[in-house]
Amino acid sequence: MTDRILEAHGLSKTYQDGEHRTTVLQPLDFYLQPREKVAIVGASGSGKSTLLHLLAGLDAPTEGEIALMGQPFSARSEARRGRMRNQYMGFVYQFHFLLPELTALENVMLPLRIRRTDTAKSRQKALTLLDQVGLAHRSAHKPSELSGGERQRVAIARALITEPACILADEPTGNLDDTSAAQIFDLMLSLNASHQTALVTVTHDLSLATRMDRIYRLHDGHITLSESE
């Protein structure tokens, strides 16, 4: 049994459109250890988001296999992958994907409500997380009443409420101004440490990537690994 949270071997992805084949990812290996911070960088179209979707079990690899918490993951049924994803993973995207009709508190509670967790426990846990991201005073506000940075803070709290083993973030600061982006990234790194969760971040910003433990660089579907400085 491995102690790695995520592990991929010989992972590749090719899309077929009639007779036309497009290879997005050449065979690659990837791993993520507990409490580790990893960046995936590369130009637009290099396959960063495709790799993240494969690691999350949201898409199936053409070849290769992925293990999650030492268990087969990519080879499982879609329903089984969904249950494993809900148990072990949290997600933060470039766009927050908050439900507009719900308050910040209700949005953060949502993953636990889906699990049928007791309402009082879900509420208290959500309030604690909103306090940790500096938004306890905005808990009753709906997304339309929050700034872009505040919405992303709510999304981060929502990702953490299930106490996942890892957070997968796809350009989490890409839709923010420079000041807000820096604040959100600082917050993510701080919560990564305090919650002892691993973090995988897709980003085009090398200045952010260099603050991670390791960097996977994608170019034309090929991957190289380097330790950050």
C-alpha atoms as a PDB file:
ATOM      1  CA  MET A   1       0.000   0.000   0.000  1.00  0.00           C
ATOM      2  CA  THR A   2       1.452   3.343  -1.080  1.00  0.00           C
ATOM      3  CA  ASP A   3       1.257   6.437   1.090  1.00  0.00           C
ATOM      4  CA  ARG A   4       0.807   8.623  -1.989  1.00  0.00           C
ATOM      5  CA  ILE A   5      -2.535  10.358  -2.387  1.00  0.00           C
ATOM      6  CA  LEU A   6      -2.471  10.294  -6.187  1.00  0.00           C
ATOM      7  CA  GLU A   7      -0.291   8.219  -8.485  1.00  0.00           C
ATOM      8  CA  ALA A   8      -0.454   7.899 -12.264  1.00  0.00           C
ATOM      9  CA  HIS A   9       1.604   5.677 -14.546  1.00  0.00           C
ATOM     10  CA  GLY A  10       1.804   5.770 -18.336  1.00  0.00           C
ATOM     11  CA  LEU A  11      -1.071   8.238 -18.497  1.00  0.00           C
ATOM     12  CA  SER A  12      -2.023   9.485 -21.980  1.00  0.00           C
ATOM     13  CA  LYS A  13      -5.019  11.071 -23.663  1.00  0.00           C
ATOM     14  CA  THR A  14      -5.995  11.027 -27.335  1.00  0.00           C
ATOM     15  CA  TYR A  15      -9.239  12.352 -28.751  1.00  0.00           C
ATOM     16  CA  GLN A  16     -10.803  10.774 -31.838  1.00  0.00           C
ATOM     17  CA  ASP A  17     -12.963  12.806 -34.214  1.00  0.00           C
ATOM     18  CA  GLY A  18     -13.849  10.572 -37.131  1.00  0.00           C
ATOM     19  CA  GLU A  19     -10.543   9.675 -38.731  1.00  0.00           C
ATOM     20  CA  HIS A  20      -8.728  12.538 -37.036  1.00  0.00           C
ATOM     21  CA  ARG A  21      -6.774  11.746 -33.857  1.00  0.00           C
ATOM     22  CA  THR A  22      -5.430  14.460 -31.554  1.00  0.00           C
ATOM     23  CA  THR A  23      -2.988  13.424 -28.838  1.00  0.00           C
ATOM     24  CA  VAL A  24      -3.203  15.899 -25.955  1.00  0.00           C
ATOM     25  CA  LEU A  25      -1.004  14.041 -23.469  1.00  0.00           C
ATOM     26  CA  GLN A  26       1.871  11.707 -24.227  1.00  0.00           C
ATOM     27  CA  PRO A  27       2.446   8.873 -21.701  1.00  0.00           C
ATOM     28  CA  LEU A  28       3.456  10.438 -18.385  1.00  0.00           C
ATOM     29  CA  ASP A  29       3.874   9.651 -14.699  1.00  0.00           C
ATOM     30  CA  PHE A  30       2.615  11.772 -11.805  1.00  0.00           C
ATOM     31  CA  TYR A  31       2.488  11.500  -8.031  1.00  0.00           C
ATOM     32  CA  LEU A  32       1.214  13.532  -5.088  1.00  0.00           C
ATOM     33  CA  GLN A  33       2.215  12.938  -1.484  1.00  0.00           C
ATOM     34  CA  PRO A  34       0.361  13.943   1.701  1.00  0.00           C
ATOM     35  CA  ARG A  35       0.470  17.682   2.508  1.00  0.00           C
ATOM     36  CA  GLU A  36       2.479  18.349  -0.656  1.00  0.00           C
ATOM     37  CA  LYS A  37       2.018  21.374  -2.912  1.00  0.00           C
ATOM     38  CA  VAL A  38       2.373  20.684  -6.653  1.00  0.00           C
ATOM     39  CA  ALA A  39       1.965  23.013  -9.634  1.00  0.00           C
ATOM     40  CA  ILE A  40       1.118  22.038 -13.211  1.00  0.00           C
ATOM     41  CA  VAL A  41       2.258  24.736 -15.630  1.00  0.00           C
ATOM     42  CA  GLY A  42       2.334  25.195 -19.374  1.00  0.00           C
ATOM     43  CA  ALA A  43       1.095  27.348 -22.227  1.00  0.00           C
ATOM     44  CA  SER A  44      -2.554  27.447 -23.250  1.00  0.00           C
ATOM     45  CA  GLY A  45      -3.440  24.179 -24.971  1.00  0.00           C
ATOM     46  CA  SER A  46      -0.523  22.260 -23.472  1.00  0.00           C
ATOM     47  CA  GLY A  47      -2.823  19.798 -21.681  1.00  0.00           C
ATOM     48  CA  LYS A  48      -2.825  21.195 -18.127  1.00  0.00           C
ATOM     49  CA  SER A  49      -6.571  21.046 -17.578  1.00  0.00           C
ATOM     50  CA  THR A  50      -6.815  17.704 -19.361  1.00  0.00           C
ATOM     51  CA  LEU A  51      -4.291  16.249 -16.928  1.00  0.00           C
ATOM     52  CA  LEU A  52      -6.174  17.669 -13.951  1.00  0.00           C
ATOM     53  CA  HIS A  53      -9.463  16.223 -15.221  1.00  0.00           C
ATOM     54  CA  LEU A  54      -7.844  12.814 -15.627  1.00  0.00           C
ATOM     55  CA  LEU A  55      -6.394  12.942 -12.113  1.00  0.00           C
ATOM     56  CA  ALA A  56      -9.847  13.898 -10.794  1.00  0.00           C
ATOM     57  CA  GLY A  57     -11.513  10.994 -12.570  1.00  0.00           C
ATOM     58  CA  LEU A  58     -13.664  13.407 -14.584  1.00  0.00           C
ATOM     59  CA  ASP A  59     -12.309  11.989 -17.838  1.00  0.00           C
ATOM     60  CA  ALA A  60     -10.912   8.565 -18.740  1.00  0.00           C
ATOM     61  CA  PRO A  61      -7.309   8.140 -19.936  1.00  0.00           C
ATOM     62  CA  THR A  62      -6.629   6.559 -23.305  1.00  0.00           C
ATOM     63  CA  GLU A  63      -3.825   4.571 -21.711  1.00  0.00           C
ATOM     64  CA  GLY A  64      -2.335   4.231 -18.246  1.00  0.00           C
ATOM     65  CA  GLU A  65      -3.858   4.064 -14.803  1.00  0.00           C
ATOM     66  CA  ILE A  66      -4.432   6.252 -11.768  1.00  0.00           C
ATOM     67  CA  ALA A  67      -4.544   5.248  -8.113  1.00  0.00           C
ATOM     68  CA  LEU A  68      -6.213   7.360  -5.417  1.00  0.00           C
ATOM     69  CA  MET A  69      -5.239   6.715  -1.788  1.00  0.00           C
ATOM     70  CA  GLY A  70      -3.557   3.501  -2.907  1.00  0.00           C
ATOM     71  CA  GLN A  71      -6.735   2.194  -4.548  1.00  0.00           C
ATOM     72  CA  PRO A  72      -7.444   1.740  -8.277  1.00  0.00           C
ATOM     73  CA  PHE A  73      -9.256   4.860  -9.465  1.00  0.00           C
ATOM     74  CA  SER A  74      -9.314   5.346 -13.230  1.00  0.00           C
ATOM     75  CA  ALA A  75     -10.372   1.717 -13.807  1.00  0.00           C
ATOM     76  CA  ARG A  76     -13.428   2.046 -11.558  1.00  0.00           C
ATOM     77  CA  SER A  77     -16.983   2.700 -12.722  1.00  0.00           C
ATOM     78  CA  GLU A  78     -18.118   6.299 -13.030  1.00  0.00           C
ATOM     79  CA  ALA A  79     -20.304   5.898  -9.940  1.00  0.00           C
ATOM     80  CA  ARG A  80     -17.444   4.471  -7.881  1.00  0.00           C
ATOM     81  CA  ARG A  81     -15.084   7.249  -9.026  1.00  0.00           C
ATOM     82  CA  GLY A  82     -17.714   9.768  -7.964  1.00  0.00           C
ATOM     83  CA  ARG A  83     -17.903   8.317  -4.464  1.00  0.00           C
ATOM     84  CA  MET A  84     -14.117   8.252  -4.125  1.00  0.00           C
ATOM     85  CA  ARG A  85     -13.876  11.800  -5.461  1.00  0.00           C
ATOM     86  CA  ASN A  86     -16.448  13.010  -2.926  1.00  0.00           C
ATOM     87  CA  GLN A  87     -14.573  11.292  -0.109  1.00  0.00           C
ATOM     88  CA  TYR A  88     -11.004  12.303  -0.882  1.00  0.00           C
ATOM     89  CA  MET A  89     -11.003  15.381  -3.149  1.00  0.00           C
ATOM     90  CA  GLY A  90     -11.989  19.027  -3.069  1.00  0.00           C
ATOM     91  CA  PHE A  91     -12.102  21.350  -6.083  1.00  0.00           C
ATOM     92  CA  VAL A  92     -11.486  25.025  -6.778  1.00  0.00           C
ATOM     93  CA  TYR A  93     -11.962  26.373 -10.308  1.00  0.00           C
ATOM     94  CA  GLN A  94     -11.177  29.611 -12.130  1.00  0.00           C
ATOM     95  CA  PHE A  95     -14.888  30.407 -11.952  1.00  0.00           C
ATOM     96  CA  HIS A  96     -16.332  29.803  -8.508  1.00  0.00           C
ATOM     97  CA  PHE A  97     -19.459  27.840  -9.565  1.00  0.00           C
ATOM     98  CA  LEU A  98     -21.386  28.962  -6.499  1.00  0.00           C
ATOM     99  CA  LEU A  99     -25.143  28.463  -6.659  1.00  0.00           C
ATOM    100  CA  PRO A 100     -26.585  31.983  -7.046  1.00  0.00           C
ATOM    101  CA  GLU A 101     -29.765  31.306  -5.048  1.00  0.00           C
ATOM    102  CA  LEU A 102     -27.831  30.160  -1.969  1.00  0.00           C
ATOM    103  CA  THR A 103     -26.003  32.258   0.613  1.00  0.00           C
ATOM    104  CA  ALA A 104     -22.270  31.932   1.180  1.00  0.00           C
ATOM    105  CA  LEU A 105     -23.008  29.761   4.219  1.00  0.00           C
ATOM    106  CA  GLU A 106     -25.394  27.507   2.283  1.00  0.00           C
ATOM    107  CA  ASN A 107     -22.922  27.128  -0.567  1.00  0.00           C
ATOM    108  CA  VAL A 108     -20.177  26.022   1.814  1.00  0.00           C
ATOM    109  CA  MET A 109     -22.552  23.600   3.553  1.00  0.00           C
ATOM    110  CA  LEU A 110     -23.657  22.014   0.287  1.00  0.00           C
ATOM    111  CA  PRO A 111     -21.132  19.118   0.038  1.00  0.00           C
ATOM    112  CA  LEU A 112     -22.052  17.986   3.552  1.00  0.00           C
ATOM    113  CA  ARG A 113     -25.772  18.331   2.855  1.00  0.00           C
ATOM    114  CA  ILE A 114     -25.263  16.063  -0.181  1.00  0.00           C
ATOM    115  CA  ARG A 115     -23.718  13.558   2.236  1.00  0.00           C
ATOM    116  CA  ARG A 116     -26.796  13.965   4.458  1.00  0.00           C
ATOM    117  CA  THR A 117     -24.678  15.231   7.328  1.00  0.00           C
ATOM    118  CA  ASP A 118     -26.649  16.678  10.244  1.00  0.00           C
ATOM    119  CA  THR A 119     -27.700  20.254   9.438  1.00  0.00           C
ATOM    120  CA  ALA A 120     -26.444  21.749  12.709  1.00  0.00           C
ATOM    121  CA  LYS A 121     -23.025  20.105  12.300  1.00  0.00           C
ATOM    122  CA  SER A 122     -22.822  21.198   8.647  1.00  0.00           C
ATOM    123  CA  ARG A 123     -23.717  24.775   9.594  1.00  0.00           C
ATOM    124  CA  GLN A 124     -21.155  24.997  12.389  1.00  0.00           C
ATOM    125  CA  LYS A 125     -18.396  23.558  10.222  1.00  0.00           C
ATOM    126  CA  ALA A 126     -19.255  25.942   7.378  1.00  0.00           C
ATOM    127  CA  LEU A 127     -19.232  28.943   9.733  1.00  0.00           C
ATOM    128  CA  THR A 128     -15.814  27.902  11.063  1.00  0.00           C
ATOM    129  CA  LEU A 129     -14.412  27.692   7.535  1.00  0.00           C
ATOM    130  CA  LEU A 130     -15.931  31.011   6.503  1.00  0.00           C
ATOM    131  CA  ASP A 131     -14.236  32.536   9.536  1.00  0.00           C
ATOM    132  CA  GLN A 132     -10.917  30.982   8.463  1.00  0.00           C
ATOM    133  CA  VAL A 133     -11.206  32.552   4.994  1.00  0.00           C
ATOM    134  CA  GLY A 134     -12.186  35.908   6.521  1.00  0.00           C
ATOM    135  CA  LEU A 135     -15.846  35.884   5.515  1.00  0.00           C
ATOM    136  CA  ALA A 136     -17.796  35.073   8.676  1.00  0.00           C
ATOM    137  CA  HIS A 137     -19.406  38.518   8.430  1.00  0.00           C
ATOM    138  CA  ARG A 138     -20.573  37.781   4.871  1.00  0.00           C
ATOM    139  CA  SER A 139     -22.134  34.379   5.541  1.00  0.00           C
ATOM    140  CA  ALA A 140     -25.692  35.539   4.771  1.00  0.00           C
ATOM    141  CA  HIS A 141     -24.749  37.193   1.468  1.00  0.00           C
ATOM    142  CA  LYS A 142     -25.452  35.613  -1.909  1.00  0.00           C
ATOM    143  CA  PRO A 143     -22.733  35.371  -4.593  1.00  0.00           C
ATOM    144  CA  SER A 144     -24.090  38.413  -6.464  1.00  0.00           C
ATOM    145  CA  GLU A 145     -23.407  40.474  -3.340  1.00  0.00           C
ATOM    146  CA  LEU A 146     -19.771  39.362  -3.060  1.00  0.00           C
ATOM    147  CA  SER A 147     -16.641  40.494  -4.885  1.00  0.00           C
ATOM    148  CA  GLY A 148     -14.722  38.117  -7.142  1.00  0.00           C
ATOM    149  CA  GLY A 149     -12.128  37.479  -4.460  1.00  0.00           C
ATOM    150  CA  GLU A 150     -14.804  36.871  -1.840  1.00  0.00           C
ATOM    151  CA  ARG A 151     -16.581  34.376  -4.091  1.00  0.00           C
ATOM    152  CA  GLN A 152     -13.343  32.482  -4.551  1.00  0.00           C
ATOM    153  CA  ARG A 153     -12.822  32.421  -0.781  1.00  0.00           C
ATOM    154  CA  VAL A 154     -16.264  30.864  -0.412  1.00  0.00           C
ATOM    155  CA  ALA A 155     -15.330  28.283  -3.059  1.00  0.00           C
ATOM    156  CA  ILE A 156     -12.146  27.429  -1.144  1.00  0.00           C
ATOM    157  CA  ALA A 157     -14.127  26.984   2.085  1.00  0.00           C
ATOM    158  CA  ARG A 158     -16.575  24.725   0.233  1.00  0.00           C
ATOM    159  CA  ALA A 159     -13.687  22.619  -1.114  1.00  0.00           C
ATOM    160  CA  LEU A 160     -12.325  22.109   2.405  1.00  0.00           C
ATOM    161  CA  ILE A 161     -15.523  21.273   4.253  1.00  0.00           C
ATOM    162  CA  THR A 162     -15.330  17.527   3.530  1.00  0.00           C
ATOM    163  CA  GLU A 163     -11.763  17.412   4.909  1.00  0.00           C
ATOM    164  CA  PRO A 164     -10.358  16.063   1.628  1.00  0.00           C
ATOM    165  CA  ALA A 165      -6.951  14.457   1.274  1.00  0.00           C
ATOM    166  CA  CYS A 166      -6.220  16.816  -1.617  1.00  0.00           C
ATOM    167  CA  ILE A 167      -7.473  19.963  -3.292  1.00  0.00           C
ATOM    168  CA  LEU A 168      -7.355  20.168  -7.098  1.00  0.00           C
ATOM    169  CA  ALA A 169      -7.371  23.775  -8.298  1.00  0.00           C
ATOM    170  CA  ASP A 170      -7.708  24.785 -11.964  1.00  0.00           C
ATOM    171  CA  GLU A 171      -6.398  28.349 -12.480  1.00  0.00           C
ATOM    172  CA  PRO A 172      -7.936  29.424  -9.143  1.00  0.00           C
ATOM    173  CA  THR A 173      -6.638  32.995  -9.499  1.00  0.00           C
ATOM    174  CA  GLY A 174      -7.022  33.332 -13.271  1.00  0.00           C
ATOM    175  CA  ASN A 175     -10.211  35.380 -13.063  1.00  0.00           C
ATOM    176  CA  LEU A 176      -8.926  37.848 -10.453  1.00  0.00           C
ATOM    177  CA  ASP A 177      -6.898  41.050 -10.482  1.00  0.00           C
ATOM    178  CA  ASP A 178      -3.274  40.806  -9.379  1.00  0.00           C
ATOM    179  CA  THR A 179      -3.897  41.941  -5.803  1.00  0.00           C
ATOM    180  CA  SER A 180      -6.835  39.582  -5.257  1.00  0.00           C
ATOM    181  CA  ALA A 181      -4.953  36.748  -6.957  1.00  0.00           C
ATOM    182  CA  ALA A 182      -1.999  37.126  -4.592  1.00  0.00           C
ATOM    183  CA  GLN A 183      -4.315  37.195  -1.576  1.00  0.00           C
ATOM    184  CA  ILE A 184      -6.204  34.082  -2.699  1.00  0.00           C
ATOM    185  CA  PHE A 185      -3.003  32.168  -3.379  1.00  0.00           C
ATOM    186  CA  ASP A 186      -1.583  33.151   0.019  1.00  0.00           C
ATOM    187  CA  LEU A 187      -4.818  31.917   1.582  1.00  0.00           C
ATOM    188  CA  MET A 188      -4.680  28.592  -0.263  1.00  0.00           C
ATOM    189  CA  LEU A 189      -1.108  27.955   0.866  1.00  0.00           C
ATOM    190  CA  SER A 190      -1.961  28.882   4.446  1.00  0.00           C
ATOM    191  CA  LEU A 191      -4.969  26.545   4.486  1.00  0.00           C
ATOM    192  CA  ASN A 192      -2.916  23.819   2.822  1.00  0.00           C
ATOM    193  CA  ALA A 193      -0.647  23.929   5.851  1.00  0.00           C
ATOM    194  CA  SER A 194      -3.258  24.370   8.578  1.00  0.00           C
ATOM    195  CA  HIS A 195      -5.617  21.684   7.232  1.00  0.00           C
ATOM    196  CA  GLN A 196      -2.753  19.368   6.236  1.00  0.00           C
ATOM    197  CA  THR A 197      -4.268  18.712   2.837  1.00  0.00           C
ATOM    198  CA  ALA A 198      -2.284  18.245  -0.371  1.00  0.00           C
ATOM    199  CA  LEU A 199      -2.690  20.779  -3.175  1.00  0.00           C
ATOM    200  CA  VAL A 200      -2.451  20.463  -6.956  1.00  0.00           C
ATOM    201  CA  THR A 201      -2.726  23.764  -8.806  1.00  0.00           C
ATOM    202  CA  VAL A 202      -2.923  24.318 -12.547  1.00  0.00           C
ATOM    203  CA  THR A 203      -1.577  27.793 -13.265  1.00  0.00           C
ATOM    204  CA  HIS A 204       0.009  29.834 -16.034  1.00  0.00           C
ATOM    205  CA  ASP A 205       1.660  32.094 -13.437  1.00  0.00           C
ATOM    206  CA  LEU A 206       5.234  30.932 -12.851  1.00  0.00           C
ATOM    207  CA  SER A 207       5.674  33.298  -9.917  1.00  0.00           C
ATOM    208  CA  LEU A 208       2.926  31.390  -8.119  1.00  0.00           C
ATOM    209  CA  ALA A 209       4.172  27.991  -9.264  1.00  0.00           C
ATOM    210  CA  THR A 210       7.620  28.556  -7.792  1.00  0.00           C
ATOM    211  CA  ARG A 211       6.038  28.729  -4.321  1.00  0.00           C
ATOM    212  CA  MET A 212       5.004  25.081  -4.600  1.00  0.00           C
ATOM    213  CA  ASP A 213       7.113  22.050  -3.628  1.00  0.00           C
ATOM    214  CA  ARG A 214       7.334  20.619  -7.151  1.00  0.00           C
ATOM    215  CA  ILE A 215       6.462  21.778 -10.648  1.00  0.00           C
ATOM    216  CA  TYR A 216       5.217  19.642 -13.534  1.00  0.00           C
ATOM    217  CA  ARG A 217       5.793  21.445 -16.832  1.00  0.00           C
ATOM    218  CA  LEU A 218       3.740  20.498 -19.893  1.00  0.00           C
ATOM    219  CA  HIS A 219       4.813  21.254 -23.451  1.00  0.00           C
ATOM    220  CA  ASP A 220       3.112  19.723 -26.492  1.00  0.00           C
ATOM    221  CA  GLY A 221       1.761  16.922 -24.335  1.00  0.00           C
ATOM    222  CA  HIS A 222       5.150  16.023 -22.826  1.00  0.00           C
ATOM    223  CA  ILE A 223       5.871  16.491 -19.127  1.00  0.00           C
ATOM    224  CA  THR A 224       8.995  17.342 -17.143  1.00  0.00           C
ATOM    225  CA  LEU A 225       9.327  17.544 -13.374  1.00  0.00           C
ATOM    226  CA  SER A 226      11.401  19.999 -11.378  1.00  0.00           C
ATOM    227  CA  GLU A 227      11.754  20.969  -7.736  1.00  0.00           C
ATOM    228  CA  SER A 228      10.709  24.558  -7.118  1.00  0.00           C
ATOM    229  CA  GLU A 229      13.375  26.939  -5.933  1.00  0.00           C
END
